[in-house]
């Protein structure tokens, strides 16, 4: 099936490959940087194996005004894991309390490569199906992923 939208981003981090891999796979570290600006991560579970579960919840903070307190869960199943190189998963994301209307079916592939002591990350997210109220979320995915990768950069730089 062809995706209805694809988001592709690349960013190079001044951190070793193993450190960046850990940031993408350790639930306690993911809580510190995942998601766009103005969200926190109250819940995160990672069962890092093919067929394993990846569950994460974003919660809107003060800066999101009327959306403050809104939760956006994502439940995924890992489809490919190559340690220190690749993570792929199929996921469903939605707005808590309005799953049918806001559901987004997607697949995401994160590739990590070492380049002269730095780590290049490529993210490819394909959206296959959306609920009728998911249009704004889909339109904002590029922006949200860009902020997320910047938050990872800030996290890695502070270590």
N, C-alpha and C. Protein backbone atom coordinates (compact mmCIF):
# COMPACT_ATOMS: atom_id res chain seq x y z
N UNK A 1 0.84 -1.18 0.00
CA UNK A 1 0.00 0.00 0.00
C UNK A 1 0.88 1.24 0.00
N UNK A 2 0.53 2.20 -0.85
CA UNK A 2 1.27 3.45 -0.93
C UNK A 2 0.86 4.38 0.22
N UNK A 3 1.83 5.06 0.84
CA UNK A 3 1.47 6.00 1.91
C UNK A 3 0.74 7.22 1.35
N UNK A 4 -0.10 7.82 2.20
CA UNK A 4 -0.78 9.05 1.80
C UNK A 4 0.10 10.27 2.09
N UNK A 5 1.10 10.07 2.95
CA UNK A 5 2.07 11.13 3.24
C UNK A 5 3.34 10.48 3.74
N UNK A 6 4.48 11.10 3.38
CA UNK A 6 5.77 10.63 3.87
C UNK A 6 6.55 11.82 4.41
N UNK A 7 7.14 11.63 5.57
CA UNK A 7 8.00 12.64 6.19
C UNK A 7 9.40 12.03 6.25
N UNK A 8 10.40 12.75 5.72
CA UNK A 8 11.78 12.28 5.73
C UNK A 8 12.65 13.38 6.33
N UNK A 9 13.43 13.04 7.34
CA UNK A 9 14.33 13.99 7.99
C UNK A 9 15.68 13.35 8.24
N UNK A 10 16.73 14.15 8.19
CA UNK A 10 18.07 13.69 8.54
C UNK A 10 18.72 14.73 9.45
N UNK A 11 19.47 14.24 10.42
CA UNK A 11 20.20 15.14 11.30
C UNK A 11 21.44 14.40 11.79
N UNK A 12 22.55 15.14 11.89
CA UNK A 12 23.79 14.57 12.39
C UNK A 12 24.05 15.12 13.79
N UNK A 13 24.38 14.22 14.70
CA UNK A 13 24.62 14.57 16.10
C UNK A 13 26.08 14.38 16.45
N UNK A 14 26.61 15.27 17.26
CA UNK A 14 28.00 15.18 17.72
C UNK A 14 28.12 14.24 18.90
N UNK A 15 27.61 13.05 18.74
CA UNK A 15 27.63 12.04 19.81
C UNK A 15 27.91 10.68 19.19
N UNK A 16 28.55 9.78 19.97
CA UNK A 16 28.83 8.44 19.45
C UNK A 16 27.55 7.67 19.11
N UNK A 17 27.68 6.77 18.17
CA UNK A 17 26.56 5.95 17.72
C UNK A 17 25.85 5.25 18.87
N UNK A 18 26.60 4.66 19.78
CA UNK A 18 25.99 3.91 20.89
C UNK A 18 25.15 4.82 21.79
N UNK A 19 25.60 6.06 21.97
CA UNK A 19 24.87 7.02 22.80
C UNK A 19 23.54 7.40 22.15
N UNK A 20 23.58 7.63 20.85
CA UNK A 20 22.35 7.99 20.12
C UNK A 20 21.40 6.80 20.09
N UNK A 21 21.93 5.61 19.88
CA UNK A 21 21.10 4.40 19.89
C UNK A 21 20.39 4.27 21.24
N UNK A 22 21.12 4.47 22.32
CA UNK A 22 20.52 4.38 23.65
C UNK A 22 19.42 5.42 23.82
N UNK A 23 19.61 6.61 23.28
CA UNK A 23 18.60 7.66 23.38
C UNK A 23 17.30 7.27 22.69
N UNK A 24 17.41 6.47 21.62
CA UNK A 24 16.23 6.03 20.88
C UNK A 24 15.60 4.78 21.47
N UNK A 25 16.29 4.08 22.37
CA UNK A 25 15.79 2.76 22.79
C UNK A 25 15.56 2.62 24.30
N UNK A 26 16.07 3.53 25.10
CA UNK A 26 15.91 3.46 26.56
C UNK A 26 14.70 4.31 26.96
N UNK A 27 13.67 3.69 27.56
CA UNK A 27 12.45 4.45 27.85
C UNK A 27 12.67 5.65 28.77
N UNK A 28 13.58 5.54 29.72
CA UNK A 28 13.83 6.67 30.62
C UNK A 28 14.50 7.85 29.89
N UNK A 29 15.33 7.53 28.91
CA UNK A 29 15.96 8.60 28.11
C UNK A 29 14.95 9.16 27.10
N UNK A 30 14.15 8.31 26.50
CA UNK A 30 13.13 8.78 25.55
C UNK A 30 12.20 9.81 26.20
N UNK A 31 11.87 9.61 27.46
CA UNK A 31 10.99 10.53 28.18
C UNK A 31 11.57 11.94 28.25
N UNK A 32 12.88 12.05 28.14
CA UNK A 32 13.54 13.35 28.29
C UNK A 32 13.54 14.19 27.02
N UNK A 33 13.30 13.56 25.84
CA UNK A 33 13.41 14.35 24.61
C UNK A 33 12.34 14.08 23.55
N UNK A 34 11.56 13.04 23.70
CA UNK A 34 10.61 12.65 22.65
C UNK A 34 9.53 13.71 22.45
N UNK A 35 9.08 13.85 21.24
CA UNK A 35 7.94 14.68 20.91
C UNK A 35 8.32 16.11 20.57
N UNK A 36 7.34 16.86 20.07
CA UNK A 36 7.59 18.26 19.75
C UNK A 36 7.73 19.10 21.02
N UNK A 37 8.04 20.36 20.84
CA UNK A 37 8.14 21.28 21.97
C UNK A 37 6.81 21.33 22.73
N UNK A 38 6.90 21.65 24.01
CA UNK A 38 5.72 21.85 24.86
C UNK A 38 4.96 20.57 25.18
N UNK A 39 5.61 19.41 25.05
CA UNK A 39 4.99 18.18 25.53
C UNK A 39 5.92 17.50 26.52
N UNK A 40 5.32 16.72 27.41
CA UNK A 40 6.08 15.86 28.31
C UNK A 40 5.68 14.42 28.00
N UNK A 41 6.45 13.49 28.54
CA UNK A 41 6.19 12.07 28.29
C UNK A 41 5.94 11.38 29.64
N UNK A 42 4.67 11.23 30.04
CA UNK A 42 4.38 10.60 31.32
C UNK A 42 4.52 9.07 31.31
N UNK A 43 4.41 8.46 30.12
CA UNK A 43 4.49 7.00 30.02
C UNK A 43 5.34 6.60 28.82
N UNK A 44 6.17 5.58 29.02
CA UNK A 44 6.97 5.05 27.91
C UNK A 44 7.38 3.62 28.23
N UNK A 45 7.12 2.71 27.32
CA UNK A 45 7.53 1.31 27.44
C UNK A 45 8.21 0.90 26.14
N UNK A 46 9.33 0.20 26.25
CA UNK A 46 10.06 -0.28 25.08
C UNK A 46 10.45 -1.74 25.30
N UNK A 47 9.92 -2.63 24.46
CA UNK A 47 10.31 -4.04 24.44
C UNK A 47 11.06 -4.22 23.13
N UNK A 48 12.36 -3.97 23.17
CA UNK A 48 13.20 -3.83 21.97
C UNK A 48 13.53 -5.18 21.34
N UNK A 49 12.58 -5.68 20.59
CA UNK A 49 12.75 -6.93 19.82
C UNK A 49 11.69 -6.92 18.73
N UNK A 50 11.95 -7.64 17.65
CA UNK A 50 10.94 -7.74 16.59
C UNK A 50 9.69 -8.37 17.20
N UNK A 51 8.57 -7.71 17.01
CA UNK A 51 7.31 -8.14 17.62
C UNK A 51 7.07 -7.52 18.98
N UNK A 52 8.08 -6.84 19.52
CA UNK A 52 7.97 -6.19 20.82
C UNK A 52 7.17 -4.89 20.73
N UNK A 53 6.68 -4.46 21.88
CA UNK A 53 5.82 -3.29 21.96
C UNK A 53 6.62 -2.02 22.27
N UNK A 54 6.20 -0.94 21.64
CA UNK A 54 6.70 0.40 21.93
C UNK A 54 5.47 1.25 22.20
N UNK A 55 5.35 1.73 23.43
CA UNK A 55 4.20 2.53 23.83
C UNK A 55 4.70 3.81 24.46
N UNK A 56 4.19 4.93 23.97
CA UNK A 56 4.62 6.22 24.50
C UNK A 56 3.43 7.17 24.49
N UNK A 57 3.35 8.01 25.50
CA UNK A 57 2.27 8.98 25.61
C UNK A 57 2.87 10.38 25.70
N UNK A 58 2.42 11.26 24.80
CA UNK A 58 2.80 12.67 24.88
C UNK A 58 1.66 13.42 25.58
N UNK A 59 2.03 14.36 26.45
CA UNK A 59 1.01 15.18 27.12
C UNK A 59 1.33 16.65 26.90
N UNK A 60 0.31 17.40 26.43
CA UNK A 60 0.48 18.82 26.14
C UNK A 60 0.71 19.61 27.42
N UNK A 61 1.70 20.52 27.36
CA UNK A 61 2.03 21.37 28.49
C UNK A 61 1.40 22.75 28.36
N UNK A 62 1.80 23.64 29.27
CA UNK A 62 1.29 25.02 29.33
C UNK A 62 1.33 25.74 27.99
N UNK A 63 2.44 25.57 27.27
CA UNK A 63 2.64 26.29 26.02
C UNK A 63 1.67 25.91 24.92
N UNK A 64 0.88 24.87 25.13
CA UNK A 64 -0.11 24.47 24.13
C UNK A 64 -1.49 25.02 24.43
N UNK A 65 -1.54 25.99 25.33
CA UNK A 65 -2.78 26.72 25.60
C UNK A 65 -3.97 25.83 25.88
N UNK A 66 -5.01 25.92 25.01
CA UNK A 66 -6.24 25.16 25.27
C UNK A 66 -6.06 23.64 25.20
N UNK A 67 -4.95 23.18 24.62
CA UNK A 67 -4.71 21.75 24.52
C UNK A 67 -4.01 21.19 25.77
N UNK A 68 -3.62 22.09 26.72
CA UNK A 68 -2.91 21.66 27.92
C UNK A 68 -3.62 20.47 28.56
N UNK A 69 -2.84 19.43 28.86
CA UNK A 69 -3.38 18.23 29.48
C UNK A 69 -3.84 17.17 28.49
N UNK A 70 -3.96 17.53 27.21
CA UNK A 70 -4.35 16.54 26.20
C UNK A 70 -3.25 15.50 26.07
N UNK A 71 -3.65 14.24 25.95
CA UNK A 71 -2.68 13.15 25.80
C UNK A 71 -2.82 12.52 24.42
N UNK A 72 -1.64 12.22 23.85
CA UNK A 72 -1.57 11.57 22.55
C UNK A 72 -0.77 10.28 22.67
N UNK A 73 -1.44 9.15 22.88
CA UNK A 73 -0.73 7.86 22.95
C UNK A 73 -0.30 7.38 21.56
N UNK A 74 0.75 6.58 21.55
CA UNK A 74 1.17 5.86 20.36
C UNK A 74 1.52 4.44 20.79
N UNK A 75 0.93 3.47 20.10
CA UNK A 75 1.21 2.07 20.36
C UNK A 75 1.79 1.48 19.08
N UNK A 76 2.98 0.91 19.21
CA UNK A 76 3.68 0.39 18.03
C UNK A 76 4.18 -1.02 18.28
N UNK A 77 4.48 -1.69 17.18
CA UNK A 77 5.14 -2.99 17.22
C UNK A 77 6.39 -2.90 16.37
N UNK A 78 7.52 -3.31 16.98
CA UNK A 78 8.78 -3.27 16.24
C UNK A 78 8.76 -4.31 15.13
N UNK A 79 9.14 -3.88 13.92
CA UNK A 79 9.18 -4.78 12.77
C UNK A 79 10.60 -5.13 12.35
N UNK A 80 11.56 -4.29 12.77
CA UNK A 80 12.97 -4.57 12.47
C UNK A 80 13.85 -3.88 13.51
N UNK A 81 14.80 -4.62 14.03
CA UNK A 81 15.78 -4.08 14.98
C UNK A 81 17.15 -4.57 14.55
N UNK A 82 18.03 -3.63 14.22
CA UNK A 82 19.44 -3.95 13.97
C UNK A 82 20.21 -3.10 14.96
N UNK A 83 20.76 -3.69 16.01
CA UNK A 83 21.41 -2.90 17.07
C UNK A 83 22.41 -1.89 16.53
N UNK A 84 22.31 -0.67 17.06
CA UNK A 84 23.16 0.46 16.68
C UNK A 84 23.06 0.85 15.20
N UNK A 85 21.97 0.42 14.53
CA UNK A 85 21.85 0.73 13.11
C UNK A 85 20.43 1.09 12.66
N UNK A 86 19.42 0.32 13.10
CA UNK A 86 18.09 0.54 12.55
C UNK A 86 17.00 0.11 13.52
N UNK A 87 15.95 0.93 13.56
CA UNK A 87 14.73 0.63 14.31
C UNK A 87 13.57 0.90 13.36
N UNK A 88 12.67 -0.06 13.22
CA UNK A 88 11.47 0.15 12.40
C UNK A 88 10.27 -0.36 13.17
N UNK A 89 9.17 0.37 13.04
CA UNK A 89 7.95 -0.06 13.71
C UNK A 89 6.71 0.40 12.96
N UNK A 90 5.62 -0.34 13.17
CA UNK A 90 4.29 0.05 12.70
C UNK A 90 3.55 0.55 13.92
N UNK A 91 2.83 1.67 13.75
CA UNK A 91 2.23 2.30 14.92
C UNK A 91 0.84 2.86 14.61
N UNK A 92 0.11 3.03 15.70
CA UNK A 92 -1.12 3.80 15.69
C UNK A 92 -0.98 4.87 16.75
N UNK A 93 -1.34 6.09 16.38
CA UNK A 93 -1.31 7.21 17.32
C UNK A 93 -2.69 7.86 17.29
N UNK A 94 -3.09 8.48 18.41
CA UNK A 94 -4.41 9.07 18.49
C UNK A 94 -4.47 10.08 19.63
N UNK A 95 -5.58 10.79 19.70
CA UNK A 95 -5.85 11.67 20.82
C UNK A 95 -6.66 10.89 21.83
N UNK A 96 -6.20 10.86 23.08
CA UNK A 96 -6.91 10.11 24.12
C UNK A 96 -8.37 10.57 24.20
N UNK A 97 -9.26 9.60 24.25
CA UNK A 97 -10.69 9.90 24.35
C UNK A 97 -11.38 10.09 23.02
N UNK A 98 -10.64 10.04 21.91
CA UNK A 98 -11.23 10.24 20.58
C UNK A 98 -10.47 9.40 19.55
N UNK A 99 -10.22 8.15 19.91
CA UNK A 99 -9.36 7.29 19.09
C UNK A 99 -9.88 7.10 17.66
N UNK A 100 -11.14 6.77 17.49
CA UNK A 100 -11.67 6.48 16.16
C UNK A 100 -11.54 7.67 15.21
N UNK A 101 -11.78 8.87 15.71
CA UNK A 101 -11.77 10.06 14.87
C UNK A 101 -10.36 10.60 14.61
N UNK A 102 -9.41 10.31 15.50
CA UNK A 102 -8.08 10.94 15.41
C UNK A 102 -6.96 9.95 15.08
N UNK A 103 -7.31 8.71 14.83
CA UNK A 103 -6.31 7.66 14.61
C UNK A 103 -5.43 7.94 13.39
N UNK A 104 -4.13 7.69 13.57
CA UNK A 104 -3.17 7.76 12.47
C UNK A 104 -2.43 6.43 12.42
N UNK A 105 -2.52 5.73 11.29
CA UNK A 105 -1.76 4.50 11.07
C UNK A 105 -0.49 4.88 10.33
N UNK A 106 0.65 4.46 10.86
CA UNK A 106 1.91 4.86 10.25
C UNK A 106 2.97 3.77 10.44
N UNK A 107 4.02 3.90 9.67
CA UNK A 107 5.22 3.11 9.91
C UNK A 107 6.39 4.09 9.95
N UNK A 108 7.35 3.78 10.80
CA UNK A 108 8.51 4.66 10.96
C UNK A 108 9.76 3.82 10.92
N UNK A 109 10.79 4.36 10.25
CA UNK A 109 12.08 3.71 10.16
C UNK A 109 13.14 4.73 10.55
N UNK A 110 13.95 4.36 11.53
CA UNK A 110 15.04 5.22 12.00
C UNK A 110 16.34 4.49 11.69
N UNK A 111 17.21 5.15 10.92
CA UNK A 111 18.49 4.56 10.55
C UNK A 111 19.61 5.40 11.16
N UNK A 112 20.57 4.75 11.79
CA UNK A 112 21.70 5.43 12.40
C UNK A 112 22.98 4.98 11.72
N UNK A 113 23.82 5.93 11.35
CA UNK A 113 25.12 5.60 10.76
C UNK A 113 26.19 6.47 11.40
N UNK A 114 27.36 5.88 11.61
CA UNK A 114 28.48 6.59 12.21
C UNK A 114 29.26 7.29 11.10
N UNK A 115 29.56 8.57 11.32
CA UNK A 115 30.33 9.35 10.35
C UNK A 115 31.36 10.18 11.10
N UNK A 116 32.61 9.71 11.10
CA UNK A 116 33.73 10.44 11.71
C UNK A 116 33.46 10.83 13.16
N UNK A 117 32.99 9.87 13.94
CA UNK A 117 32.74 10.12 15.37
C UNK A 117 31.40 10.75 15.68
N UNK A 118 30.67 11.11 14.64
CA UNK A 118 29.33 11.66 14.82
C UNK A 118 28.31 10.62 14.38
N UNK A 119 27.04 10.88 14.66
CA UNK A 119 25.99 9.93 14.29
C UNK A 119 24.94 10.62 13.44
N UNK A 120 24.74 10.08 12.24
CA UNK A 120 23.70 10.59 11.35
C UNK A 120 22.44 9.76 11.57
N UNK A 121 21.33 10.45 11.77
CA UNK A 121 20.04 9.80 11.97
C UNK A 121 19.13 10.19 10.80
N UNK A 122 18.52 9.19 10.20
CA UNK A 122 17.52 9.42 9.16
C UNK A 122 16.20 8.83 9.64
N UNK A 123 15.15 9.64 9.61
CA UNK A 123 13.82 9.20 10.01
C UNK A 123 12.92 9.26 8.78
N UNK A 124 12.24 8.15 8.51
CA UNK A 124 11.25 8.09 7.44
C UNK A 124 9.94 7.62 8.07
N UNK A 125 8.94 8.48 8.04
CA UNK A 125 7.63 8.13 8.59
C UNK A 125 6.61 8.15 7.46
N UNK A 126 5.92 7.04 7.26
CA UNK A 126 4.89 6.92 6.24
C UNK A 126 3.53 6.80 6.91
N UNK A 127 2.58 7.60 6.46
CA UNK A 127 1.22 7.56 6.99
C UNK A 127 0.34 6.86 5.96
N UNK A 128 -0.43 5.87 6.45
CA UNK A 128 -1.25 5.06 5.56
C UNK A 128 -2.74 5.33 5.70
N UNK A 129 -3.17 5.75 6.88
CA UNK A 129 -4.61 5.93 7.11
C UNK A 129 -4.78 6.93 8.24
N UNK A 130 -5.79 7.80 8.11
CA UNK A 130 -6.05 8.78 9.17
C UNK A 130 -7.55 8.87 9.44
N UNK A 131 -7.87 9.19 10.68
CA UNK A 131 -9.25 9.47 11.04
C UNK A 131 -9.63 10.86 10.57
N UNK A 132 -10.93 11.16 10.52
CA UNK A 132 -11.39 12.44 10.00
C UNK A 132 -10.91 13.66 10.78
N UNK A 133 -10.55 13.51 12.06
CA UNK A 133 -10.07 14.65 12.85
C UNK A 133 -8.54 14.69 12.96
N UNK A 134 -7.84 13.89 12.16
CA UNK A 134 -6.38 13.81 12.26
C UNK A 134 -5.66 14.71 11.26
N UNK A 135 -6.40 15.45 10.47
CA UNK A 135 -5.78 16.25 9.39
C UNK A 135 -4.71 17.21 9.92
N UNK A 136 -5.00 17.94 10.98
CA UNK A 136 -4.04 18.91 11.51
C UNK A 136 -2.78 18.21 12.02
N UNK A 137 -2.95 17.07 12.68
CA UNK A 137 -1.79 16.33 13.19
C UNK A 137 -0.91 15.85 12.04
N UNK A 138 -1.52 15.37 10.98
CA UNK A 138 -0.78 14.90 9.81
C UNK A 138 -0.02 16.06 9.16
N UNK A 139 -0.69 17.19 9.01
CA UNK A 139 -0.05 18.36 8.40
C UNK A 139 1.13 18.85 9.23
N UNK A 140 1.07 18.68 10.54
CA UNK A 140 2.12 19.16 11.43
C UNK A 140 3.23 18.17 11.70
N UNK A 141 3.18 16.99 11.09
CA UNK A 141 4.18 15.96 11.41
C UNK A 141 5.61 16.37 11.08
N UNK A 142 5.82 16.99 9.95
CA UNK A 142 7.17 17.42 9.57
C UNK A 142 7.72 18.38 10.62
N UNK A 143 6.90 19.34 11.01
CA UNK A 143 7.28 20.33 12.02
C UNK A 143 7.55 19.65 13.37
N UNK A 144 6.66 18.74 13.76
CA UNK A 144 6.81 18.05 15.03
C UNK A 144 8.06 17.18 15.08
N UNK A 145 8.33 16.44 14.00
CA UNK A 145 9.54 15.61 13.95
C UNK A 145 10.79 16.48 13.97
N UNK A 146 10.74 17.64 13.29
CA UNK A 146 11.89 18.54 13.29
C UNK A 146 12.19 19.02 14.71
N UNK A 147 11.15 19.42 15.44
CA UNK A 147 11.33 19.84 16.83
C UNK A 147 11.87 18.68 17.68
N UNK A 148 11.35 17.49 17.44
CA UNK A 148 11.78 16.32 18.21
C UNK A 148 13.27 16.06 18.01
N UNK A 149 13.74 16.13 16.78
CA UNK A 149 15.15 15.89 16.51
C UNK A 149 16.03 16.99 17.11
N UNK A 150 15.51 18.21 17.18
CA UNK A 150 16.23 19.30 17.85
C UNK A 150 16.29 19.05 19.36
N UNK A 151 15.20 18.56 19.92
CA UNK A 151 15.19 18.24 21.35
C UNK A 151 16.21 17.14 21.66
N UNK A 152 16.33 16.16 20.75
CA UNK A 152 17.34 15.11 20.94
C UNK A 152 18.73 15.74 20.89
N UNK A 153 18.95 16.67 19.96
CA UNK A 153 20.24 17.34 19.86
C UNK A 153 20.57 18.07 21.17
N UNK A 154 19.59 18.80 21.71
CA UNK A 154 19.80 19.52 22.98
C UNK A 154 20.13 18.55 24.12
N UNK A 155 19.40 17.43 24.15
CA UNK A 155 19.63 16.42 25.18
C UNK A 155 21.05 15.86 25.07
N UNK A 156 21.45 15.48 23.86
CA UNK A 156 22.78 14.89 23.66
C UNK A 156 23.89 15.90 23.94
N UNK A 157 23.68 17.15 23.58
CA UNK A 157 24.68 18.20 23.80
C UNK A 157 24.87 18.48 25.28
N UNK A 158 23.83 18.30 26.08
CA UNK A 158 23.91 18.57 27.53
C UNK A 158 24.56 17.43 28.30
N UNK A 159 24.75 16.28 27.67
CA UNK A 159 25.31 15.11 28.36
C UNK A 159 26.79 15.24 28.55
